[in-house]
Amino acid sequence: MTKEDYQMTEQVEKALEVFLKEDGNANILVVGATGVGKSALVNKVFDVDFTKVGNGKPVTQETTKYSIPNMPITLFDTKGYELATEEHTRFLNEMQLYMEDSKTKPADQIHMVWYCIAAPNSRVTDMDIAMIERFMKTGKPLAVVLTKADMAAEEDLRAMMAILQQANIPHFYVSTVYDAGDNFELSKLITWTYEQIEPSVKYAFLRAQRTNVDLVKKEVNKAIRQHAAASFAVGFTPIPFADGPLLLANQSAMIGRIMKQYGLDSDFENISVIVSALGAGTLVSNLGRYLVAQLTKFIPGAGSVINGSVATAITVSLGFTVSEICYRIAKKNIRGEDVTEFMTDLLKSDEVKKMFDDFLKKEMDNQKKK
């Protein structure tokens, strides 16, 4: 690891210590009859088997709360049941009381309900609708997840969706087979959940899920712009071109937040491995020196100082470059591909500089249009 990487590691670790405490936990209740594929759905979305590695704690007779250290998601998993049974009725009464109990600690409150129905069963029963409506009356957002959709006849699937549509119930048909039509509507389920879940735990859910990386990229890049705009608003003191590397080196907090949102803080043993794999310190150092040489090309006639708008463009460009690298790593992780060779080849090539160039040129063009 280079000297720059060691310095960046220390800065990113400090930033992550703060960030990882910010988001809290997103609590999702997963409901479904025996054999509908609840475990397969959860394992696919979060890339972890909660029942094997999580800490299970009963919260009602029929429901167990699963959590995993350092993972910002908690699942409330229901036992399998058969509709119209005494066990089913008891479960429903218990959960409704639990969800409506104002004494429930904020950390234990349900933020979202996924109600699973096996699509191959070809039916949404009146009992399903009644149960769903009862859950919806608690005020918690609920989505029906039609599981194993790759095994269902298209005609049957459409009929089930028509029933749910008529009842005005949000629904998504999914498959846990990776190449089955891009998981059908699994990415849509993740996007909908992110949009509907309690605002205070949005980013916790976004970071925990491992399915919709495009949504992560969209939200991360939006946050990068907000960070840059806030950092270099009115009152920013222009700095010399020669201090361009310092401007980039001070963005360790932003880099740490980007890594966190892509889940890279949990995909490696520790942050130093991530920083080294990403080459963050070397990357920033090299881009800083490269930036000084390029500034006059991108900002002709700007004199010899970096003002607030230029600092914003530079910071956004760095953020987008790191985001793009993290995005590609996350995509490869989903496909089960080794990222080591990819990172080695990427950092040896001029592709990172070209990425930074392209982002900076676009940002500066946007500045000229304002």
Protein backbone atom coordinates (compact mmCIF):
# COMPACT_ATOMS: atom_id res chain seq x y z
CA MET A 1 0.00 0.00 0.00
CA THR A 2 1.36 3.44 -0.90
CA LYS A 3 1.83 6.31 1.53
CA GLU A 4 -1.16 8.07 -0.06
CA ASP A 5 -3.30 4.97 0.46
CA TYR A 6 -2.33 4.78 4.15
CA GLN A 7 -3.30 8.43 4.64
CA MET A 8 -6.56 7.97 2.74
CA THR A 9 -7.33 4.81 4.74
CA GLU A 10 -7.11 6.69 8.03
CA GLN A 11 -9.34 9.49 6.74
CA VAL A 12 -11.93 7.15 5.21
CA GLU A 13 -12.05 4.99 8.36
CA LYS A 14 -12.77 8.06 10.51
CA ALA A 15 -15.52 9.14 8.12
CA LEU A 16 -17.09 5.69 8.06
CA GLU A 17 -17.15 5.50 11.86
CA VAL A 18 -19.59 8.41 11.74
CA PHE A 19 -21.53 7.35 8.63
CA LEU A 20 -22.19 3.79 9.76
CA LYS A 21 -23.98 5.09 12.86
CA GLU A 22 -26.16 7.54 10.92
CA ASP A 23 -28.61 5.29 9.13
CA GLY A 24 -30.06 3.03 11.83
CA ASN A 25 -31.78 -0.16 10.73
CA ALA A 26 -34.57 -0.76 8.25
CA ASN A 27 -37.05 -3.30 9.66
CA ILE A 28 -38.93 -5.44 7.13
CA LEU A 29 -41.69 -7.91 7.99
CA VAL A 30 -41.69 -10.84 5.53
CA VAL A 31 -45.03 -12.66 5.51
CA GLY A 32 -46.06 -15.77 3.61
CA ALA A 33 -47.50 -19.25 3.76
CA THR A 34 -45.35 -22.37 3.95
CA GLY A 35 -43.16 -22.91 0.87
CA VAL A 36 -43.73 -19.56 -0.88
CA GLY A 37 -40.00 -18.82 -1.07
CA LYS A 38 -39.53 -16.14 1.60
CA SER A 39 -36.01 -17.26 2.45
CA ALA A 40 -34.96 -17.41 -1.19
CA LEU A 41 -36.28 -13.88 -1.73
CA VAL A 42 -34.49 -12.45 1.30
CA ASN A 43 -31.25 -14.26 0.49
CA LYS A 44 -31.35 -12.92 -3.06
CA VAL A 45 -32.07 -9.30 -2.11
CA PHE A 46 -29.56 -9.03 0.74
CA ASP A 47 -27.06 -11.72 -0.36
CA VAL A 48 -27.05 -13.36 3.06
CA ASP A 49 -28.91 -16.19 4.79
CA PHE A 50 -30.33 -14.48 7.86
CA THR A 51 -31.51 -17.74 9.41
CA LYS A 52 -27.96 -19.17 9.34
CA VAL A 53 -25.74 -16.20 10.19
CA GLY A 54 -28.20 -13.83 11.85
CA ASN A 55 -29.12 -13.51 15.51
CA GLY A 56 -32.71 -14.72 15.90
CA LYS A 57 -34.92 -13.40 18.69
CA PRO A 58 -38.67 -14.22 19.06
CA VAL A 59 -40.87 -11.12 19.18
CA THR A 60 -44.22 -12.93 19.08
CA GLN A 61 -45.20 -16.60 19.16
CA GLU A 62 -45.15 -16.73 15.36
CA THR A 63 -42.46 -14.20 14.44
CA THR A 64 -38.68 -14.08 14.84
CA LYS A 65 -36.53 -10.97 14.53
CA TYR A 66 -33.22 -11.56 12.69
CA SER A 67 -30.30 -9.15 12.73
CA ILE A 68 -26.68 -9.36 11.60
CA PRO A 69 -23.93 -7.26 13.22
CA ASN A 70 -22.87 -4.26 11.12
CA MET A 71 -25.67 -4.84 8.59
CA PRO A 72 -28.34 -2.08 8.53
CA ILE A 73 -31.33 -4.35 7.99
CA THR A 74 -33.51 -6.34 10.39
CA LEU A 75 -35.95 -8.96 9.19
CA PHE A 76 -39.07 -10.04 11.01
CA ASP A 77 -39.66 -13.51 9.61
CA THR A 78 -42.98 -15.26 10.12
CA LYS A 79 -43.38 -18.98 10.49
CA GLY A 80 -44.96 -20.68 7.53
CA TYR A 81 -48.72 -21.06 7.97
CA GLU A 82 -51.77 -22.25 6.12
CA LEU A 83 -54.60 -19.83 5.55
CA ALA A 84 -57.84 -20.21 7.54
CA THR A 85 -56.16 -22.04 10.43
CA GLU A 86 -56.02 -21.24 14.13
CA GLU A 87 -52.26 -20.66 13.84
CA HIS A 88 -52.80 -18.16 11.02
CA THR A 89 -55.43 -16.24 12.98
CA ARG A 90 -53.20 -16.07 16.06
CA PHE A 91 -50.28 -14.83 13.98
CA LEU A 92 -52.34 -12.09 12.36
CA ASN A 93 -53.75 -10.87 15.69
CA GLU A 94 -50.31 -10.87 17.30
CA MET A 95 -48.64 -8.97 14.47
CA GLN A 96 -51.39 -6.37 14.21
CA LEU A 97 -51.12 -5.68 17.94
CA TYR A 98 -47.32 -5.52 17.70
CA MET A 99 -47.35 -3.11 14.75
CA GLU A 100 -49.94 -0.82 16.32
CA ASP A 101 -48.41 -0.82 19.81
CA SER A 102 -47.20 2.72 20.48
CA LYS A 103 -44.93 1.34 23.22
CA THR A 104 -42.82 -0.61 20.71
CA LYS A 105 -39.30 0.80 20.71
CA PRO A 106 -38.44 2.85 17.58
CA ALA A 107 -35.62 0.40 16.77
CA ASP A 108 -38.14 -2.48 16.75
CA GLN A 109 -40.93 -0.84 14.75
CA ILE A 110 -41.86 -2.34 11.38
CA HIS A 111 -41.04 -0.03 8.45
CA MET A 112 -42.18 -2.21 5.54
CA VAL A 113 -44.19 -5.39 4.85
CA TRP A 114 -43.46 -7.84 2.03
CA TYR A 115 -46.41 -10.21 1.68
CA CYS A 116 -45.31 -13.22 -0.36
CA ILE A 117 -47.61 -15.34 -2.54
CA ALA A 118 -46.25 -18.18 -4.68
CA ALA A 119 -47.07 -17.36 -8.31
CA PRO A 120 -47.20 -21.05 -9.40
CA ASN A 121 -50.18 -21.54 -7.04
CA SER A 122 -52.12 -19.45 -9.58
CA ARG A 123 -54.42 -17.80 -7.08
CA VAL A 124 -54.87 -14.85 -4.77
CA THR A 125 -57.49 -15.89 -2.24
CA ASP A 126 -60.12 -13.78 -0.51
CA MET A 127 -58.28 -14.65 2.71
CA ASP A 128 -55.06 -13.19 1.22
CA ILE A 129 -56.85 -9.95 0.35
CA ALA A 130 -58.44 -9.70 3.80
CA MET A 131 -55.10 -10.31 5.49
CA ILE A 132 -53.30 -7.78 3.27
CA GLU A 133 -55.94 -5.13 3.91
CA ARG A 134 -55.67 -5.73 7.64
CA PHE A 135 -51.90 -5.15 7.47
CA MET A 136 -52.40 -2.02 5.37
CA LYS A 137 -54.71 -0.57 8.01
CA THR A 138 -51.72 -0.36 10.37
CA GLY A 139 -50.40 2.41 8.11
CA LYS A 140 -47.25 0.53 7.14
CA PRO A 141 -46.35 0.37 3.43
CA LEU A 142 -46.98 -3.09 1.99
CA ALA A 143 -46.08 -4.78 -1.28
CA VAL A 144 -47.27 -8.17 -2.46
CA VAL A 145 -44.38 -10.19 -3.86
CA LEU A 146 -45.41 -12.88 -6.34
CA THR A 147 -42.52 -15.29 -5.85
CA LYS A 148 -41.24 -18.02 -8.21
CA ALA A 149 -42.73 -16.12 -11.16
CA ASP A 150 -40.41 -17.96 -13.56
CA MET A 151 -42.36 -21.15 -12.76
CA ALA A 152 -45.83 -19.63 -13.31
CA ALA A 153 -47.90 -19.62 -16.49
CA GLU A 154 -48.11 -16.12 -17.96
CA GLU A 155 -51.92 -16.26 -18.12
CA ASP A 156 -52.16 -17.21 -14.43
CA LEU A 157 -49.70 -14.50 -13.45
CA ARG A 158 -51.71 -11.86 -15.29
CA ALA A 159 -54.90 -13.03 -13.57
CA MET A 160 -53.28 -12.72 -10.13
CA MET A 161 -51.97 -9.27 -10.93
CA ALA A 162 -55.42 -8.17 -12.14
CA ILE A 163 -56.95 -9.14 -8.79
CA LEU A 164 -54.29 -7.18 -6.88
CA GLN A 165 -54.62 -4.23 -9.24
CA GLN A 166 -58.38 -4.14 -8.71
CA ALA A 167 -57.83 -4.10 -4.95
CA ASN A 168 -55.29 -1.27 -5.39
CA ILE A 169 -52.50 -3.30 -3.77
CA PRO A 170 -48.88 -2.68 -4.89
CA HIS A 171 -47.44 -5.89 -6.33
CA PHE A 172 -44.34 -7.22 -8.07
CA TYR A 173 -43.59 -10.58 -9.68
CA VAL A 174 -40.07 -11.82 -9.04
CA SER A 175 -37.69 -14.69 -9.55
CA THR A 176 -34.60 -15.53 -7.56
CA VAL A 177 -32.94 -16.99 -10.67
CA TYR A 178 -30.38 -14.37 -11.75
CA ASP A 179 -30.75 -14.68 -15.50
CA ALA A 180 -34.51 -15.15 -15.57
CA GLY A 181 -35.52 -11.97 -17.40
CA ASP A 182 -33.37 -9.79 -15.12
CA ASN A 183 -35.24 -11.17 -12.10
CA PHE A 184 -38.52 -9.95 -13.62
CA GLU A 185 -39.60 -7.10 -11.27
CA LEU A 186 -37.14 -7.59 -8.43
CA SER A 187 -35.37 -4.29 -9.17
CA LYS A 188 -38.75 -2.54 -9.28
CA LEU A 189 -39.61 -4.01 -5.86
CA ILE A 190 -36.36 -2.59 -4.47
CA THR A 191 -36.98 0.85 -5.99
CA TRP A 192 -40.58 0.93 -4.71
CA THR A 193 -39.47 -0.16 -1.22
CA TYR A 194 -36.79 2.54 -1.16
CA GLU A 195 -39.32 5.19 -2.19
CA GLN A 196 -42.02 4.11 0.27
CA ILE A 197 -40.06 3.14 3.36
CA GLU A 198 -39.70 5.47 6.36
CA PRO A 199 -37.36 8.34 5.27
CA SER A 200 -35.10 7.93 8.28
CA VAL A 201 -34.07 4.42 7.17
CA LYS A 202 -34.03 4.87 3.39
CA TYR A 203 -30.25 4.82 3.12
CA ALA A 204 -29.97 1.88 5.51
CA PHE A 205 -32.18 -0.17 3.19
CA LEU A 206 -30.37 1.08 0.08
CA ARG A 207 -27.01 0.06 1.51
CA ALA A 208 -28.20 -3.36 2.69
CA GLN A 209 -29.81 -4.50 -0.55
CA ARG A 210 -27.54 -6.13 -3.13
CA THR A 211 -29.86 -6.31 -6.13
CA ASN A 212 -30.54 -2.89 -7.63
CA VAL A 213 -27.07 -1.35 -8.03
CA ASP A 214 -28.41 1.10 -10.62
CA LEU A 215 -30.63 2.65 -7.95
CA VAL A 216 -27.60 2.96 -5.65
CA LYS A 217 -25.64 4.71 -8.40
CA LYS A 218 -28.49 7.13 -9.08
CA GLU A 219 -28.86 8.07 -5.40
CA VAL A 220 -25.11 8.21 -4.76
CA ASN A 221 -24.52 10.56 -7.69
CA LYS A 222 -27.38 12.76 -6.52
CA ALA A 223 -25.77 12.92 -3.06
CA ILE A 224 -22.37 13.76 -4.60
CA ARG A 225 -23.86 16.84 -6.26
CA GLN A 226 -25.51 17.90 -3.00
CA HIS A 227 -22.23 17.43 -1.09
CA ALA A 228 -20.22 19.44 -3.62
CA ALA A 229 -22.77 22.25 -3.82
CA ALA A 230 -22.89 22.55 -0.03
CA SER A 231 -19.10 22.46 0.32
CA PHE A 232 -18.35 25.19 -2.19
CA ALA A 233 -21.30 27.52 -1.91
CA VAL A 234 -21.11 31.29 -1.50
CA GLY A 235 -18.22 32.16 0.81
CA PHE A 236 -15.73 29.66 -0.56
CA THR A 237 -12.29 31.29 -0.75
CA PRO A 238 -10.65 30.69 -4.16
CA ILE A 239 -7.46 28.62 -3.98
CA PRO A 240 -4.42 28.46 -6.30
CA PHE A 241 -4.35 25.92 -9.13
CA ALA A 242 -1.35 24.35 -7.42
CA ASP A 243 -3.60 23.38 -4.48
CA GLY A 244 -5.84 21.26 -6.73
CA PRO A 245 -4.39 18.01 -5.29
CA LEU A 246 -5.21 19.23 -1.75
CA LEU A 247 -8.80 19.90 -2.81
CA LEU A 248 -9.17 16.29 -3.93
CA ALA A 249 -7.28 14.83 -0.95
CA ASN A 250 -9.77 16.50 1.40
CA GLN A 251 -12.64 14.48 -0.09
CA SER A 252 -12.00 11.33 1.97
CA ALA A 253 -15.37 11.72 3.70
CA MET A 254 -17.15 11.75 0.36
CA ILE A 255 -15.19 8.71 -0.81
CA GLY A 256 -16.04 6.90 2.42
CA ARG A 257 -19.75 7.64 2.00
CA ILE A 258 -19.68 6.41 -1.59
CA MET A 259 -18.02 3.14 -0.54
CA LYS A 260 -20.54 2.70 2.24
CA GLN A 261 -23.57 3.15 0.01
CA TYR A 262 -22.27 0.57 -2.46
CA GLY A 263 -21.81 -1.82 0.45
CA LEU A 264 -18.06 -2.05 -0.03
CA ASP A 265 -17.51 -1.51 3.68
CA SER A 266 -18.85 -5.02 4.29
CA ASP A 267 -17.57 -6.80 1.17
CA PHE A 268 -13.94 -6.71 2.34
CA GLU A 269 -12.28 -7.56 5.65
CA ASN A 270 -11.49 -3.95 6.47
CA ILE A 271 -11.36 -0.49 5.00
CA SER A 272 -7.62 -0.61 4.32
CA VAL A 273 -8.21 -3.53 1.93
CA ILE A 274 -10.90 -1.53 0.14
CA VAL A 275 -8.79 1.60 -0.16
CA SER A 276 -5.90 -0.48 -1.41
CA ALA A 277 -8.09 -2.39 -3.88
CA LEU A 278 -9.66 0.82 -5.09
CA GLY A 279 -6.30 2.56 -5.04
CA ALA A 280 -8.14 5.52 -3.54
CA GLY A 281 -5.09 7.31 -2.15
CA THR A 282 -3.01 6.75 -5.27
CA LEU A 283 -5.99 7.60 -7.44
CA VAL A 284 -6.61 10.92 -5.70
CA SER A 285 -2.91 11.77 -5.64
CA ASN A 286 -2.47 10.99 -9.33
CA LEU A 287 -5.66 12.81 -10.29
CA GLY A 288 -4.56 15.81 -8.25
CA ARG A 289 -1.30 16.14 -10.12
CA TYR A 290 -3.07 15.44 -13.38
CA LEU A 291 -5.70 18.04 -12.51
CA VAL A 292 -3.15 20.85 -12.24
CA ALA A 293 -1.90 20.11 -15.72
CA GLN A 294 -5.42 19.91 -17.12
CA LEU A 295 -7.08 22.91 -15.46
CA THR A 296 -5.93 25.46 -18.01
CA LYS A 297 -7.32 23.23 -20.75
CA PHE A 298 -10.73 22.93 -19.11
CA ILE A 299 -10.84 26.51 -17.78
CA PRO A 300 -9.11 28.75 -20.32
CA GLY A 301 -8.73 32.35 -19.16
CA ALA A 302 -9.69 31.51 -15.58
CA GLY A 303 -6.53 32.99 -14.16
CA SER A 304 -4.60 30.96 -11.61
CA VAL A 305 -7.21 30.22 -8.94
CA ILE A 306 -9.99 27.68 -8.40
CA ASN A 307 -13.26 29.40 -7.49
CA GLY A 308 -16.36 27.86 -5.93
CA SER A 309 -18.03 26.72 -9.16
CA VAL A 310 -14.82 25.14 -10.45
CA ALA A 311 -14.21 23.44 -7.07
CA THR A 312 -17.75 22.04 -7.28
CA ALA A 313 -17.11 20.66 -10.77
CA ILE A 314 -13.81 19.08 -9.67
CA THR A 315 -15.38 17.48 -6.60
CA VAL A 316 -18.37 16.16 -8.54
CA SER A 317 -16.00 14.70 -11.14
CA LEU A 318 -13.95 12.92 -8.48
CA GLY A 319 -17.12 11.62 -6.82
CA PHE A 320 -18.56 10.35 -10.09
CA THR A 321 -15.24 8.65 -10.93
CA VAL A 322 -15.13 6.81 -7.60
CA SER A 323 -18.86 6.03 -7.90
CA GLU A 324 -18.38 4.51 -11.35
CA ILE A 325 -15.53 2.29 -10.11
CA CYS A 326 -17.58 1.17 -7.09
CA TYR A 327 -20.58 0.56 -9.38
CA ARG A 328 -18.53 -1.76 -11.58
CA ILE A 329 -17.18 -3.61 -8.53
CA ALA A 330 -20.72 -4.06 -7.16
CA LYS A 331 -21.98 -5.36 -10.51
CA LYS A 332 -19.18 -7.92 -10.63
CA ASN A 333 -19.89 -8.95 -7.03
CA ILE A 334 -23.52 -9.63 -7.96
CA ARG A 335 -22.39 -11.86 -10.82
CA GLY A 336 -19.94 -13.63 -8.54
CA GLU A 337 -16.92 -12.44 -10.53
CA ASP A 338 -13.47 -11.77 -9.05
CA VAL A 339 -12.79 -8.03 -8.81
CA THR A 340 -9.06 -8.24 -8.08
CA GLU A 341 -7.94 -8.63 -11.69
CA PHE A 342 -10.47 -6.02 -12.80
CA MET A 343 -9.11 -3.44 -10.34
CA THR A 344 -5.49 -4.22 -11.23
CA ASP A 345 -6.15 -3.77 -14.95
CA LEU A 346 -8.25 -0.65 -14.40
CA LEU A 347 -5.69 1.16 -12.28
CA LYS A 348 -2.87 0.26 -14.66
CA SER A 349 -4.70 1.76 -17.61
CA ASP A 350 -5.57 5.39 -18.41
CA GLU A 351 -9.29 4.62 -18.13
CA VAL A 352 -9.65 6.25 -14.70
CA LYS A 353 -8.06 9.48 -15.96
CA LYS A 354 -10.29 9.37 -19.03
CA MET A 355 -13.32 8.88 -16.76
CA PHE A 356 -12.30 11.88 -14.67
CA ASP A 357 -11.60 13.89 -17.84
CA ASP A 358 -15.02 13.14 -19.30
CA PHE A 359 -16.86 13.98 -16.08
CA LEU A 360 -14.91 17.21 -15.59
CA LYS A 361 -15.44 18.34 -19.17
CA LYS A 362 -19.17 17.72 -18.85
CA GLU A 363 -19.33 19.57 -15.52
CA MET A 364 -17.42 22.56 -16.88
CA ASP A 365 -19.65 22.66 -19.97
CA ASN A 366 -22.64 22.70 -17.64
CA GLN A 367 -21.06 25.61 -15.70
CA LYS A 368 -20.72 27.62 -18.91
CA LYS A 369 -24.42 27.16 -19.69
CA LYS A 370 -25.53 28.62 -16.35
